[in-house]
């Protein structure tokens, strides 16, 4: 897969995943924090694109604002179940009642293995097994059984299994942004690394844009690929220089 062109499409909009795209993957998600260089880059991009930049992530909204320093107005959190537009208005899904059972079961699993990390995002719950890869099959099996019992949606990611409220995903979040100012009429470019970003890649293509996969090549809806987080930052820097002033 080739790298994306350094010149963005006319009236482009950038939709950026966070972990594995703007910041490296770490063993404990809570260890990711604000970064001045990243904040400056995102501010410059937002200004250059007249506000047409959004971060689209599986993280909770408060967590994203902590990491981004509150510098990105448009954010889709928890895979789109919580979405804040450029004006600050927030659209938040109501938590599914089945989350109570999922929270109890996944919490018990996390307490049984110190390598497992439980994450509660209100409208979803997740179990990270990066530090306990041998538990992967058991975690995924538990999540699938819970989904069958509760009608929650299974969301598998990079060393994480999640149960979430049915509803929006990263692709529908892109479509929702494109119906609002300042994104309306823009050509979407979605950059991400995880399986959860495939919905975003597909939505970008449907709306005349393209996806950019970060990391190793694999079957994907993305058209282009960048090797790693450093390559993403370098490409974004180059893209800024090519945006007409």
Foldseek 3Di string as FASTA:
>chain_A
DAADDLAFDVLEAEEEEPDFAQHDDDLDVLPQFADVVSLVLVLLLCVLNVNRYEYEYLAAPVSVCGHNVVSRQWYQYNQNQWTGANVGDIHHHQAQPLVVVVCVVLVVVCVVDVQWDWDDRNQKIKIANPSPVVCVVVRQVVLVVSCVVRVFDWDDKDRMIMTGHDDHGNLVNVVVNCVDPPNPPHQYEYEDAMPSCQSVQVSSVVRPHFYEYEDDDDDGSGDHYDHTNVRSSVSSVSNSVNRDD
